C-alpha atoms as a PDB file:
ATOM      1  CA  MET A   1      88.179 -42.524-178.116  1.00  0.00           C
ATOM      2  CA  ALA A   2      90.026 -40.499-175.462  1.00  0.00           C
ATOM      3  CA  ASP A   3      89.538 -36.693-175.510  1.00  0.00           C
ATOM      4  CA  ILE A   4      92.363 -34.953-177.136  1.00  0.00           C
ATOM      5  CA  ASP A   5      93.253 -31.532-175.707  1.00  0.00           C
ATOM      6  CA  PHE A   6      95.030 -29.528-178.425  1.00  0.00           C
ATOM      7  CA  VAL A   7      94.680 -26.154-176.796  1.00  0.00           C
ATOM      8  CA  LYS A   8      96.960 -24.772-174.153  1.00  0.00           C
ATOM      9  CA  HIS A   9      94.888 -23.477-171.213  1.00  0.00           C
ATOM     10  CA  ASP A  10      95.692 -20.861-168.569  1.00  0.00           C
ATOM     11  CA  GLN A  11      97.141 -22.284-165.416  1.00  0.00           C
ATOM     12  CA  GLY A  12      96.951 -19.131-163.289  1.00  0.00           C
ATOM     13  CA  GLY A  13      99.247 -16.875-165.385  1.00  0.00           C
ATOM     14  CA  VAL A  14      96.431 -14.480-166.211  1.00  0.00           C
ATOM     15  CA  ASN A  15      95.677 -13.792-162.482  1.00  0.00           C
ATOM     16  CA  ALA A  16      99.395 -13.440-161.847  1.00  0.00           C
ATOM     17  CA  ARG A  17      99.740 -10.783-164.512  1.00  0.00           C
ATOM     18  CA  ILE A  18      96.754  -8.790-163.303  1.00  0.00           C
ATOM     19  CA  LEU A  19      98.088  -8.847-159.690  1.00  0.00           C
ATOM     20  CA  ALA A  20     101.561  -7.947-160.762  1.00  0.00           C
ATOM     21  CA  LYS A  21     100.479  -4.762-162.512  1.00  0.00           C
ATOM     22  CA  GLU A  22      98.612  -3.306-159.523  1.00  0.00           C
ATOM     23  CA  THR A  23     100.230  -1.432-156.613  1.00  0.00           C
ATOM     24  CA  LYS A  24      99.450  -2.881-153.215  1.00  0.00           C
ATOM     25  CA  ALA A  25      97.068  -0.701-151.242  1.00  0.00           C
ATOM     26  CA  ASP A  26      98.436   0.637-147.964  1.00  0.00           C
ATOM     27  CA  PHE A  27      96.347  -0.397-145.009  1.00  0.00           C
ATOM     28  CA  ARG A  28      98.979   0.008-142.350  1.00  0.00           C
ATOM     29  CA  ARG A  29      97.141   2.867-140.751  1.00  0.00           C
ATOM     30  CA  VAL A  30      93.734   1.148-140.774  1.00  0.00           C
ATOM     31  CA  GLU A  31      93.167  -0.300-137.297  1.00  0.00           C
ATOM     32  CA  ALA A  32      89.621  -1.484-137.871  1.00  0.00           C
ATOM     33  CA  ALA A  33      88.624  -5.116-137.683  1.00  0.00           C
ATOM     34  CA  SER A  34      87.495  -6.767-140.990  1.00  0.00           C
ATOM     35  CA  LEU A  35      85.135  -9.579-141.832  1.00  0.00           C
ATOM     36  CA  LYS A  36      86.833 -12.169-143.976  1.00  0.00           C
ATOM     37  CA  ILE A  37      84.551 -13.048-146.928  1.00  0.00           C
ATOM     38  CA  LYS A  38      85.444 -15.583-149.722  1.00  0.00           C
ATOM     39  CA  ALA A  39      85.055 -14.043-153.168  1.00  0.00           C
ATOM     40  CA  SER A  40      85.562 -15.424-156.706  1.00  0.00           C
ATOM     41  CA  PHE A  41      85.762 -13.597-159.986  1.00  0.00           C
ATOM     42  CA  ALA A  42      85.791 -15.345-163.367  1.00  0.00           C
ATOM     43  CA  SER A  43      85.436 -12.580-165.905  1.00  0.00           C
ATOM     44  CA  ALA A  44      88.298 -10.363-167.075  1.00  0.00           C
ATOM     45  CA  GLU A  45      86.143  -7.357-166.128  1.00  0.00           C
ATOM     46  CA  GLY A  46      85.308  -8.590-162.668  1.00  0.00           C
ATOM     47  CA  LYS A  47      88.918  -9.477-161.894  1.00  0.00           C
ATOM     48  CA  ARG A  48      90.403  -6.207-163.040  1.00  0.00           C
ATOM     49  CA  LEU A  49      87.772  -3.941-161.440  1.00  0.00           C
ATOM     50  CA  PHE A  50      88.048  -5.834-158.117  1.00  0.00           C
ATOM     51  CA  ILE A  51      91.834  -5.560-158.051  1.00  0.00           C
ATOM     52  CA  ARG A  52      91.940  -1.898-159.130  1.00  0.00           C
ATOM     53  CA  TYR A  53      89.010  -0.427-157.264  1.00  0.00           C
ATOM     54  CA  PHE A  54      87.903  -2.495-154.269  1.00  0.00           C
ATOM     55  CA  ASN A  55      90.630  -1.327-151.919  1.00  0.00           C
ATOM     56  CA  THR A  56      90.382   2.167-153.330  1.00  0.00           C
ATOM     57  CA  PHE A  57      86.760   2.187-152.192  1.00  0.00           C
ATOM     58  CA  GLN A  58      87.549   0.653-148.898  1.00  0.00           C
ATOM     59  CA  LEU A  59      90.144   3.201-148.031  1.00  0.00           C
ATOM     60  CA  GLY A  60      87.984   6.065-149.185  1.00  0.00           C
ATOM     61  CA  ILE A  61      84.872   5.029-147.267  1.00  0.00           C
ATOM     62  CA  HIS A  62      86.984   4.213-144.219  1.00  0.00           C
ATOM     63  CA  PHE A  63      88.332   7.767-144.175  1.00  0.00           C
ATOM     64  CA  VAL A  64      84.844   9.222-144.673  1.00  0.00           C
ATOM     65  CA  SER A  65      83.062   7.142-142.116  1.00  0.00           C
ATOM     66  CA  VAL A  66      85.687   6.773-139.381  1.00  0.00           C
ATOM     67  CA  ILE A  67      88.604   9.254-139.626  1.00  0.00           C
ATOM     68  CA  SER A  68      86.647  12.341-140.700  1.00  0.00           C
ATOM     69  CA  ARG A  69      84.208  11.805-137.821  1.00  0.00           C
ATOM     70  CA  THR A  70      86.958  12.510-135.387  1.00  0.00           C
ATOM     71  CA  ARG A  71      87.124  16.119-136.582  1.00  0.00           C
ATOM     72  CA  LEU A  72      84.113  17.065-138.577  1.00  0.00           C
ATOM     73  CA  ASN A  73      80.389  17.326-137.713  1.00  0.00           C
ATOM     74  CA  HIS A  74      78.841  13.869-137.675  1.00  0.00           C
ATOM     75  CA  GLU A  75      75.721  15.037-139.409  1.00  0.00           C
ATOM     76  CA  ASP A  76      77.734  16.504-142.214  1.00  0.00           C
ATOM     77  CA  VAL A  77      79.707  13.230-142.615  1.00  0.00           C
ATOM     78  CA  SER A  78      76.392  11.310-142.667  1.00  0.00           C
ATOM     79  CA  LYS A  79      75.301  13.332-145.709  1.00  0.00           C
ATOM     80  CA  VAL A  80      78.422  12.341-147.540  1.00  0.00           C
ATOM     81  CA  GLU A  81      77.855   8.626-146.594  1.00  0.00           C
ATOM     82  CA  ALA A  82      74.244   8.891-147.796  1.00  0.00           C
ATOM     83  CA  LEU A  83      75.499  10.271-151.167  1.00  0.00           C
ATOM     84  CA  ILE A  84      77.838   7.285-151.651  1.00  0.00           C
ATOM     85  CA  ARG A  85      75.180   4.849-150.526  1.00  0.00           C
ATOM     86  CA  SER A  86      72.623   6.325-153.003  1.00  0.00           C
ATOM     87  CA  GLN A  87      75.038   5.907-155.852  1.00  0.00           C
ATOM     88  CA  MET A  88      75.755   2.293-154.926  1.00  0.00           C
ATOM     89  CA  ASP A  89      72.056   1.496-154.736  1.00  0.00           C
ATOM     90  CA  LYS A  90      71.543   2.915-158.162  1.00  0.00           C
ATOM     91  CA  VAL A  91      74.383   0.958-159.668  1.00  0.00           C
ATOM     92  CA  ALA A  92      73.182  -2.245-158.012  1.00  0.00           C
ATOM     93  CA  GLU A  93      69.632  -1.594-159.430  1.00  0.00           C
ATOM     94  CA  ASP A  94      71.106  -1.115-162.945  1.00  0.00           C
ATOM     95  CA  LEU A  95      73.052  -4.370-162.705  1.00  0.00           C
ATOM     96  CA  ASN A  96      70.039  -6.296-161.433  1.00  0.00           C
ATOM     97  CA  LYS A  97      67.978  -4.943-164.308  1.00  0.00           C
ATOM     98  CA  ALA A  98      70.690  -5.965-166.787  1.00  0.00           C
ATOM     99  CA  ILE A  99      70.897  -9.539-165.339  1.00  0.00           C
ATOM    100  CA  ASP A 100      67.106  -9.876-165.411  1.00  0.00           C
ATOM    101  CA  GLY A 101      67.022  -8.715-168.975  1.00  0.00           C
ATOM    102  CA  ALA A 102      69.725 -11.136-170.083  1.00  0.00           C
ATOM    103  CA  GLU A 103      67.956 -14.044-168.292  1.00  0.00           C
ATOM    104  CA  ALA A 104      64.676 -13.128-169.994  1.00  0.00           C
ATOM    105  CA  LEU A 105      66.401 -13.401-173.384  1.00  0.00           C
ATOM    106  CA  PHE A 106      67.836 -16.747-172.436  1.00  0.00           C
ATOM    107  CA  HIS A 107      64.311 -17.989-171.644  1.00  0.00           C
ATOM    108  CA  ALA A 108      62.755 -16.440-174.757  1.00  0.00           C
ATOM    109  CA  HIS A 109      65.266 -18.124-177.097  1.00  0.00           C
ATOM    110  CA  GLY A 110      65.577 -21.457-175.286  1.00  0.00           C
ATOM    111  CA  ILE A 111      69.196 -20.909-174.179  1.00  0.00           C
ATOM    112  CA  THR A 112      70.026 -23.341-171.462  1.00  0.00           C
ATOM    113  CA  SER A 113      73.789 -23.089-170.960  1.00  0.00           C
ATOM    114  CA  THR A 114      76.063 -20.050-170.281  1.00  0.00           C
ATOM    115  CA  ALA A 115      79.458 -19.377-171.720  1.00  0.00           C
ATOM    116  CA  THR A 116      82.292 -20.227-169.310  1.00  0.00           C
ATOM    117  CA  TYR A 117      85.877 -19.086-168.932  1.00  0.00           C
ATOM    118  CA  ASP A 118      88.925 -21.298-169.555  1.00  0.00           C
ATOM    119  CA  THR A 119      91.097 -19.051-167.444  1.00  0.00           C
ATOM    120  CA  VAL A 120      91.530 -19.810-163.725  1.00  0.00           C
ATOM    121  CA  PRO A 121      89.086 -17.900-161.483  1.00  0.00           C
ATOM    122  CA  LEU A 122      90.486 -15.343-159.064  1.00  0.00           C
ATOM    123  CA  ASP A 123      89.593 -16.918-155.705  1.00  0.00           C
ATOM    124  CA  LEU A 124      90.512 -15.067-152.626  1.00  0.00           C
ATOM    125  CA  GLU A 125      89.510 -14.145-149.057  1.00  0.00           C
ATOM    126  CA  VAL A 126      88.534 -10.493-148.795  1.00  0.00           C
ATOM    127  CA  GLY A 127      88.835  -8.436-145.600  1.00  0.00           C
ATOM    128  CA  VAL A 128      85.690  -6.363-145.524  1.00  0.00           C
ATOM    129  CA  LEU A 129      85.883  -3.274-143.311  1.00  0.00           C
ATOM    130  CA  SER A 130      82.270  -1.994-143.362  1.00  0.00           C
ATOM    131  CA  SER A 131      78.744  -2.527-144.623  1.00  0.00           C
ATOM    132  CA  SER A 132      79.449  -0.138-147.466  1.00  0.00           C
ATOM    133  CA  SER A 133      82.498  -2.182-148.460  1.00  0.00           C
ATOM    134  CA  ARG A 134      80.350  -5.323-148.366  1.00  0.00           C
ATOM    135  CA  ARG A 135      77.786  -3.656-150.696  1.00  0.00           C
ATOM    136  CA  TYR A 136      80.546  -2.658-153.100  1.00  0.00           C
ATOM    137  CA  LEU A 137      81.910  -6.232-153.118  1.00  0.00           C
ATOM    138  CA  GLU A 138      78.354  -7.487-153.990  1.00  0.00           C
ATOM    139  CA  ILE A 139      78.183  -4.910-156.889  1.00  0.00           C
ATOM    140  CA  LEU A 140      81.461  -6.242-158.240  1.00  0.00           C
ATOM    141  CA  GLY A 141      80.047  -9.819-157.983  1.00  0.00           C
ATOM    142  CA  LYS A 142      76.975  -8.773-159.945  1.00  0.00           C
ATOM    143  CA  LEU A 143      79.073  -7.333-162.717  1.00  0.00           C
ATOM    144  CA  ASP A 144      81.119 -10.553-162.833  1.00  0.00           C
ATOM    145  CA  GLN A 145      77.871 -12.519-163.067  1.00  0.00           C
ATOM    146  CA  LEU A 146      76.530 -10.446-165.904  1.00  0.00           C
ATOM    147  CA  MET A 147      79.592 -10.612-168.232  1.00  0.00           C
ATOM    148  CA  PRO A 148      79.254 -14.318-169.354  1.00  0.00           C
ATOM    149  CA  LEU A 149      75.503 -13.789-169.878  1.00  0.00           C
ATOM    150  CA  LEU A 150      76.136 -10.944-172.368  1.00  0.00           C
ATOM    151  CA  GLN A 151      78.879 -13.034-174.068  1.00  0.00           C
ATOM    152  CA  THR A 152      76.474 -16.025-174.429  1.00  0.00           C
ATOM    153  CA  LEU A 153      73.795 -13.730-176.063  1.00  0.00           C
ATOM    154  CA  GLU A 154      76.351 -12.380-178.507  1.00  0.00           C
ATOM    155  CA  ILE A 155      77.529 -15.906-179.451  1.00  0.00           C
ATOM    156  CA  HIS A 156      73.963 -16.984-180.211  1.00  0.00           C
ATOM    157  CA  GLU A 157      73.508 -13.657-182.150  1.00  0.00           C
ATOM    158  CA  ILE A 158      70.632 -12.542-179.964  1.00  0.00           C
ATOM    159  CA  ILE A 159      72.327  -9.276-179.465  1.00  0.00           C
ATOM    160  CA  THR A 160      75.084  -7.568-181.464  1.00  0.00           C
ATOM    161  CA  GLN A 161      78.749  -7.248-180.481  1.00  0.00           C
ATOM    162  CA  GLN A 162      78.255  -3.474-180.516  1.00  0.00           C
ATOM    163  CA  ALA A 163      75.392  -3.710-177.995  1.00  0.00           C
ATOM    164  CA  VAL A 164      77.479  -5.956-175.732  1.00  0.00           C
ATOM    165  CA  ASP A 165      80.423  -3.459-175.890  1.00  0.00           C
ATOM    166  CA  VAL A 166      78.271  -0.424-175.064  1.00  0.00           C
ATOM    167  CA  GLU A 167      76.431  -2.203-172.220  1.00  0.00           C
ATOM    168  CA  ARG A 168      79.777  -3.529-170.758  1.00  0.00           C
ATOM    169  CA  ALA A 169      81.578  -0.246-171.004  1.00  0.00           C
ATOM    170  CA  ALA A 170      78.708   1.737-169.388  1.00  0.00           C
ATOM    171  CA  LEU A 171      78.299  -0.624-166.492  1.00  0.00           C
ATOM    172  CA  LYS A 172      82.075  -0.759-165.820  1.00  0.00           C
ATOM    173  CA  ARG A 173      82.179   3.022-165.795  1.00  0.00           C
ATOM    174  CA  LYS A 174      79.361   3.117-163.261  1.00  0.00           C
ATOM    175  CA  VAL A 175      81.044   0.583-160.940  1.00  0.00           C
ATOM    176  CA  ARG A 176      84.363   2.411-161.283  1.00  0.00           C
ATOM    177  CA  ASP A 177      82.751   5.793-160.537  1.00  0.00           C
ATOM    178  CA  VAL A 178      81.577   4.500-157.082  1.00  0.00           C
ATOM    179  CA  ALA A 179      85.143   3.878-155.990  1.00  0.00           C
ATOM    180  CA  ASN A 180      86.444   7.139-157.623  1.00  0.00           C
ATOM    181  CA  GLY A 181      83.700   9.056-155.892  1.00  0.00           C
ATOM    182  CA  ALA A 182      84.425   7.666-152.525  1.00  0.00           C
ATOM    183  CA  ARG A 183      88.172   8.394-152.870  1.00  0.00           C
ATOM    184  CA  ASN A 184      87.629  11.982-154.039  1.00  0.00           C
ATOM    185  CA  LEU A 185      85.110  12.752-151.454  1.00  0.00           C
ATOM    186  CA  ALA A 186      87.564  11.398-148.794  1.00  0.00           C
ATOM    187  CA  THR A 187      90.278  13.650-150.260  1.00  0.00           C
ATOM    188  CA  ARG A 188      87.993  16.608-150.043  1.00  0.00           C
ATOM    189  CA  LEU A 189      87.026  15.913-146.414  1.00  0.00           C
ATOM    190  CA  ARG A 190      90.746  15.656-145.659  1.00  0.00           C
ATOM    191  CA  ARG A 191      91.185  19.138-147.112  1.00  0.00           C
ATOM    192  CA  GLU A 192      88.257  20.379-145.044  1.00  0.00           C
ATOM    193  CA  MET A 193      89.901  18.983-141.886  1.00  0.00           C
ATOM    194  CA  ASN A 194      93.206  20.716-142.840  1.00  0.00           C
ATOM    195  CA  ALA A 195      91.409  23.984-143.542  1.00  0.00           C
ATOM    196  CA  LEU A 196      89.720  23.712-140.153  1.00  0.00           C
ATOM    197  CA  ASP A 197      93.133  23.414-138.460  1.00  0.00           C
ATOM    198  CA  ALA A 198      94.500  26.401-140.411  1.00  0.00           C
ATOM    199  CA  ARG A 199      91.471  28.541-139.546  1.00  0.00           C
ATOM    200  CA  ARG A 200      91.218  27.556-135.851  1.00  0.00           C
ATOM    201  CA  PRO A 201      90.836  30.863-134.022  1.00  0.00           C
ATOM    202  CA  ALA A 202      93.427  31.785-131.451  1.00  0.00           C
ATOM    203  CA  SER A 203      90.938  33.490-129.131  1.00  0.00           C
ATOM    204  CA  GLU A 204      88.074  31.898-127.272  1.00  0.00           C
ATOM    205  CA  ALA A 205      85.774  34.492-128.667  1.00  0.00           C
ATOM    206  CA  GLY A 206      86.536  33.299-132.187  1.00  0.00           C
ATOM    207  CA  SER A 207      85.830  29.739-131.163  1.00  0.00           C
ATOM    208  CA  ALA A 208      82.583  30.693-129.578  1.00  0.00           C
ATOM    209  CA  GLY A 209      81.546  32.446-132.771  1.00  0.00           C
ATOM    210  CA  ASP A 210      82.193  29.319-134.832  1.00  0.00           C
ATOM    211  CA  VAL A 211      80.196  27.226-132.352  1.00  0.00           C
ATOM    212  CA  ASP A 212      77.277  29.653-132.399  1.00  0.00           C
ATOM    213  CA  ARG A 213      77.132  29.544-136.199  1.00  0.00           C
ATOM    214  CA  SER A 214      77.160  25.813-136.313  1.00  0.00           C
ATOM    215  CA  GLN A 215      74.469  25.390-133.671  1.00  0.00           C
ATOM    216  CA  SER A 216      72.189  28.009-135.167  1.00  0.00           C
ATOM    217  CA  GLY A 217      72.355  26.503-138.648  1.00  0.00           C
ATOM    218  CA  GLU A 218      73.663  29.759-140.089  1.00  0.00           C
ATOM    219  CA  ALA A 219      75.590  29.294-143.370  1.00  0.00           C
ATOM    220  CA  PRO A 220      79.323  29.584-142.765  1.00  0.00           C
ATOM    221  CA  PRO A 221      81.166  32.578-144.274  1.00  0.00           C
ATOM    222  CA  ALA A 222      83.016  32.164-147.565  1.00  0.00           C
ATOM    223  CA  GLY A 223      86.007  30.011-147.127  1.00  0.00           C
ATOM    224  CA  ASP A 224      84.619  28.154-144.115  1.00  0.00           C
ATOM    225  CA  ALA A 225      85.837  24.616-143.744  1.00  0.00           C
ATOM    226  CA  ALA A 226      82.970  22.382-144.840  1.00  0.00           C
ATOM    227  CA  ALA A 227      81.078  24.988-146.800  1.00  0.00           C
ATOM    228  CA  SER A 228      81.713  24.027-150.441  1.00  0.00           C
ATOM    229  CA  LEU A 229      81.339  20.325-150.033  1.00  0.00           C
ATOM    230  CA  LEU A 230      78.156  20.406-147.924  1.00  0.00           C
ATOM    231  CA  VAL A 231      76.479  22.921-150.300  1.00  0.00           C
ATOM    232  CA  GLU A 232      77.017  20.390-153.103  1.00  0.00           C
ATOM    233  CA  VAL A 233      75.612  17.564-150.943  1.00  0.00           C
ATOM    234  CA  ASP A 234      72.578  19.579-149.864  1.00  0.00           C
ATOM    235  CA  ALA A 235      71.989  20.517-153.487  1.00  0.00           C
ATOM    236  CA  GLY A 236      71.678  16.757-154.314  1.00  0.00           C
ATOM    237  CA  GLN A 237      74.576  16.587-156.708  1.00  0.00           C
ATOM    238  CA  GLY A 238      75.422  12.916-157.371  1.00  0.00           C
ATOM    239  CA  VAL A 239      78.973  11.691-156.847  1.00  0.00           C
ATOM    240  CA  ALA A 240      79.301  10.460-160.408  1.00  0.00           C
ATOM    241  CA  GLY A 241      77.383  13.427-161.748  1.00  0.00           C
ATOM    242  CA  ALA A 242      80.241  15.947-161.192  1.00  0.00           C
ATOM    243  CA  ASP A 243      83.337  15.577-163.288  1.00  0.00           C
ATOM    244  CA  ASP A 244      85.584  16.761-160.481  1.00  0.00           C
ATOM    245  CA  ILE A 245      84.308  14.254-158.019  1.00  0.00           C
ATOM    246  CA  ALA A 246      84.223  11.008-160.047  1.00  0.00           C
ATOM    247  CA  PRO A 247      86.116  11.353-163.348  1.00  0.00           C
ATOM    248  CA  SER A 248      86.214   8.440-165.759  1.00  0.00           C
ATOM    249  CA  PRO A 249      89.617   7.494-167.205  1.00  0.00           C
ATOM    250  CA  SER A 250      88.035   7.523-170.674  1.00  0.00           C
ATOM    251  CA  PRO A 251      84.728   8.672-172.140  1.00  0.00           C
ATOM    252  CA  GLU A 252      82.341   5.845-172.675  1.00  0.00           C
ATOM    253  CA  ALA A 253      78.739   5.729-173.884  1.00  0.00           C
ATOM    254  CA  ASP A 254      75.828   5.327-171.579  1.00  0.00           C
ATOM    255  CA  ALA A 255      74.072   2.027-171.168  1.00  0.00           C
ATOM    256  CA  VAL A 256      71.517   1.183-173.866  1.00  0.00           C
ATOM    257  CA  PRO A 257      68.831  -1.557-173.796  1.00  0.00           C
ATOM    258  CA  VAL A 258      69.921  -4.921-175.075  1.00  0.00           C
ATOM    259  CA  GLU A 259      68.254  -5.489-178.335  1.00  0.00           C
ATOM    260  CA  PRO A 260      68.148  -8.493-180.626  1.00  0.00           C
ATOM    261  CA  ALA A 261      70.508  -8.446-183.568  1.00  0.00           C
END
């Protein structure tokens, strides 16, 4: 007997709606070359986080790594880059642990197949500007990989729906915070550059004084251009750890271990 399809399936309309809701990122001032990488996202979470935050991250990290270096001390910029990299490494580690934990539950309960999506995947070619952007794209891919694993475990009642919701929300927040952090740090570096212009001394003596302070390692006076940001970086404050640097659109619970129902 021939298979009878009595369900209407998505033909690309979901992707079209997601793309239609998002404003196009403005890359007209970005003159850097990009490596074209094919990417595919199947989950609703992977699609939406990619569309909403990948270009946000790209523009933020491009400003930090390229544009701010034209005006600010390279060593100071490197500290900001290291802060962003450290946060990305932590999020990637959390996602890897979650994937490994889900696969262990698959093995323990004899699950051999994973839930799949009936919606059309979002397949596209991504222009990647930097190694940091490539790492963030990989993080988005890990999140997309994890989502159907969690759904499968919930369908088999290995974990509860509540546990899935908490885990999903916490990991989405962490991935989102990476992009928000890069954007806000870029904004703050832009302010430091503007403040540097406003404070540029008219006399050569004033300029010499600023150079002497920077070379000697002396702390800049109150109101100096890079003071507030670099104090925070030196103190080891994480990008997502400060509410003013990486705010979340909505409060969500932290990740919890996946437990059997």
